[in-house]
Amino acid sequence: MERQELEKLTRDYQMLQEQMQGLAMQKEQFMAQKDEQKEALAELEKATGKVYYAVGGAIVETPKEDAIKKLKEKHESVEMRLSIVNKQYDEVSKKEKTLRETITNALKDVKQ
């Protein structure tokens, strides 16, 4: 394998690693949101009396059932987004592994 090809593979590998890092950060954020929403939902279901919901920069009073419904919808959205990011991460991880093996084999050939 020529040096230029190897350099290109190395750049591609670095880009895949950066992509994996970004996806890992997104996964962490979505997981944190999911956990936070789960906890909020549990507290909301225990709540008695008035219930308030944040809408943009305002907090408004809302029926408990509406707040629960909105929170469940947000939770489902985050779960779906997390699922998508997990799939993307798995795909990029497979590409990274394949490219790493290709680079490793190419370097072995160069040394010989």
Protein backbone atom coordinates (compact mmCIF):
# COMPACT_ATOMS: atom_id res chain seq x y z
CA MET A 1 0.00 0.00 0.00
CA GLU A 2 1.30 3.44 -0.90
CA ARG A 3 2.07 6.04 1.69
CA GLN A 4 -0.65 8.39 0.41
CA GLU A 5 -3.28 5.65 0.71
CA LEU A 6 -2.15 4.90 4.25
CA GLU A 7 -2.30 8.58 5.18
CA LYS A 8 -5.84 8.81 3.78
CA LEU A 9 -6.89 5.75 5.76
CA THR A 10 -5.38 7.28 8.88
CA ARG A 11 -7.31 10.53 8.34
CA ASP A 12 -10.51 8.56 7.77
CA TYR A 13 -9.84 6.62 10.96
CA GLN A 14 -9.36 9.84 12.93
CA MET A 15 -12.63 11.20 11.53
CA LEU A 16 -14.45 8.03 12.57
CA GLN A 17 -13.02 8.32 16.07
CA GLU A 18 -14.22 11.93 16.30
CA GLN A 19 -17.64 10.86 15.04
CA MET A 20 -17.77 8.12 17.66
CA GLN A 21 -16.85 10.63 20.36
CA GLY A 22 -19.67 12.94 19.28
CA LEU A 23 -22.17 10.09 19.21
CA ALA A 24 -21.02 8.91 22.65
CA MET A 25 -21.63 12.40 24.02
CA GLN A 26 -25.10 12.46 22.48
CA LYS A 27 -25.83 9.05 24.01
CA GLU A 28 -24.84 10.32 27.44
CA GLN A 29 -27.02 13.42 27.06
CA PHE A 30 -30.06 11.42 25.95
CA MET A 31 -29.57 8.88 28.72
CA ALA A 32 -29.38 11.70 31.28
CA GLN A 33 -32.55 13.26 29.85
CA LYS A 34 -34.29 9.90 29.92
CA ASP A 35 -33.35 9.31 33.57
CA GLU A 36 -34.38 12.85 34.52
CA GLN A 37 -37.74 12.47 32.79
CA LYS A 38 -38.33 9.10 34.41
CA GLU A 39 -37.70 10.62 37.84
CA ALA A 40 -39.90 13.64 37.05
CA LEU A 41 -42.71 11.35 35.89
CA ALA A 42 -42.55 9.34 39.11
CA GLU A 43 -42.73 12.54 41.17
CA LEU A 44 -45.52 13.93 39.01
CA GLU A 45 -47.63 10.80 39.45
CA LYS A 46 -47.26 11.12 43.24
CA ALA A 47 -48.14 14.82 43.18
CA THR A 48 -51.29 16.14 44.77
CA GLY A 49 -52.62 19.63 44.35
CA LYS A 50 -51.53 22.07 41.66
CA VAL A 51 -49.17 21.00 38.91
CA TYR A 52 -47.04 23.33 36.82
CA TYR A 53 -45.36 22.75 33.49
CA ALA A 54 -42.51 24.67 31.85
CA VAL A 55 -43.36 26.06 28.42
CA GLY A 56 -40.41 27.90 26.93
CA GLY A 57 -39.39 30.50 29.48
CA ALA A 58 -42.72 30.42 31.32
CA ILE A 59 -44.16 28.08 33.92
CA VAL A 60 -47.91 27.53 33.67
CA GLU A 61 -50.43 25.67 35.75
CA THR A 62 -51.76 22.61 33.96
CA PRO A 63 -53.95 19.62 34.79
CA LYS A 64 -51.89 16.74 36.16
CA GLU A 65 -53.04 14.40 33.35
CA ASP A 66 -51.86 16.86 30.68
CA ALA A 67 -48.47 17.24 32.34
CA ILE A 68 -48.09 13.46 32.56
CA LYS A 69 -49.09 13.07 28.90
CA LYS A 70 -46.60 15.75 27.75
CA LEU A 71 -43.80 14.25 29.84
CA LYS A 72 -44.49 10.76 28.48
CA GLU A 73 -44.39 12.13 24.93
CA LYS A 74 -41.04 13.81 25.60
CA HIS A 75 -39.77 10.58 27.16
CA GLU A 76 -40.78 8.56 24.09
CA SER A 77 -39.09 11.11 21.82
CA VAL A 78 -35.84 10.89 23.80
CA GLU A 79 -35.99 7.08 23.77
CA MET A 80 -36.43 7.11 19.98
CA ARG A 81 -33.55 9.56 19.51
CA LEU A 82 -31.38 7.46 21.84
CA SER A 83 -32.19 4.37 19.81
CA ILE A 84 -31.16 6.14 16.59
CA VAL A 85 -27.90 7.36 18.13
CA ASN A 86 -27.17 3.84 19.43
CA LYS A 87 -27.62 2.43 15.93
CA GLN A 88 -25.39 5.13 14.44
CA TYR A 89 -22.75 4.49 17.10
CA ASP A 90 -22.80 0.75 16.37
CA GLU A 91 -22.41 1.35 12.62
CA VAL A 92 -19.54 3.79 13.08
CA SER A 93 -17.92 1.45 15.60
CA LYS A 94 -17.98 -1.40 13.07
CA LYS A 95 -16.44 0.86 10.40
CA GLU A 96 -13.79 2.00 12.87
CA LYS A 97 -12.88 -1.57 13.76
CA THR A 98 -12.62 -2.60 10.11
CA LEU A 99 -10.52 0.43 9.23
CA ARG A 100 -8.25 -0.12 12.25
CA GLU A 101 -7.62 -3.70 11.10
CA THR A 102 -6.90 -2.50 7.55
CA ILE A 103 -4.42 0.09 8.81
CA THR A 104 -2.76 -2.42 11.14
CA ASN A 105 -2.34 -4.94 8.31
CA ALA A 106 -1.02 -2.25 5.97
CA LEU A 107 1.55 -1.17 8.56
CA LYS A 108 2.66 -4.80 9.00
CA ASP A 109 3.13 -5.08 5.24
CA VAL A 110 5.18 -1.87 5.15
CA LYS A 111 7.49 -3.12 7.92
CA GLN A 112 8.18 -6.35 6.06
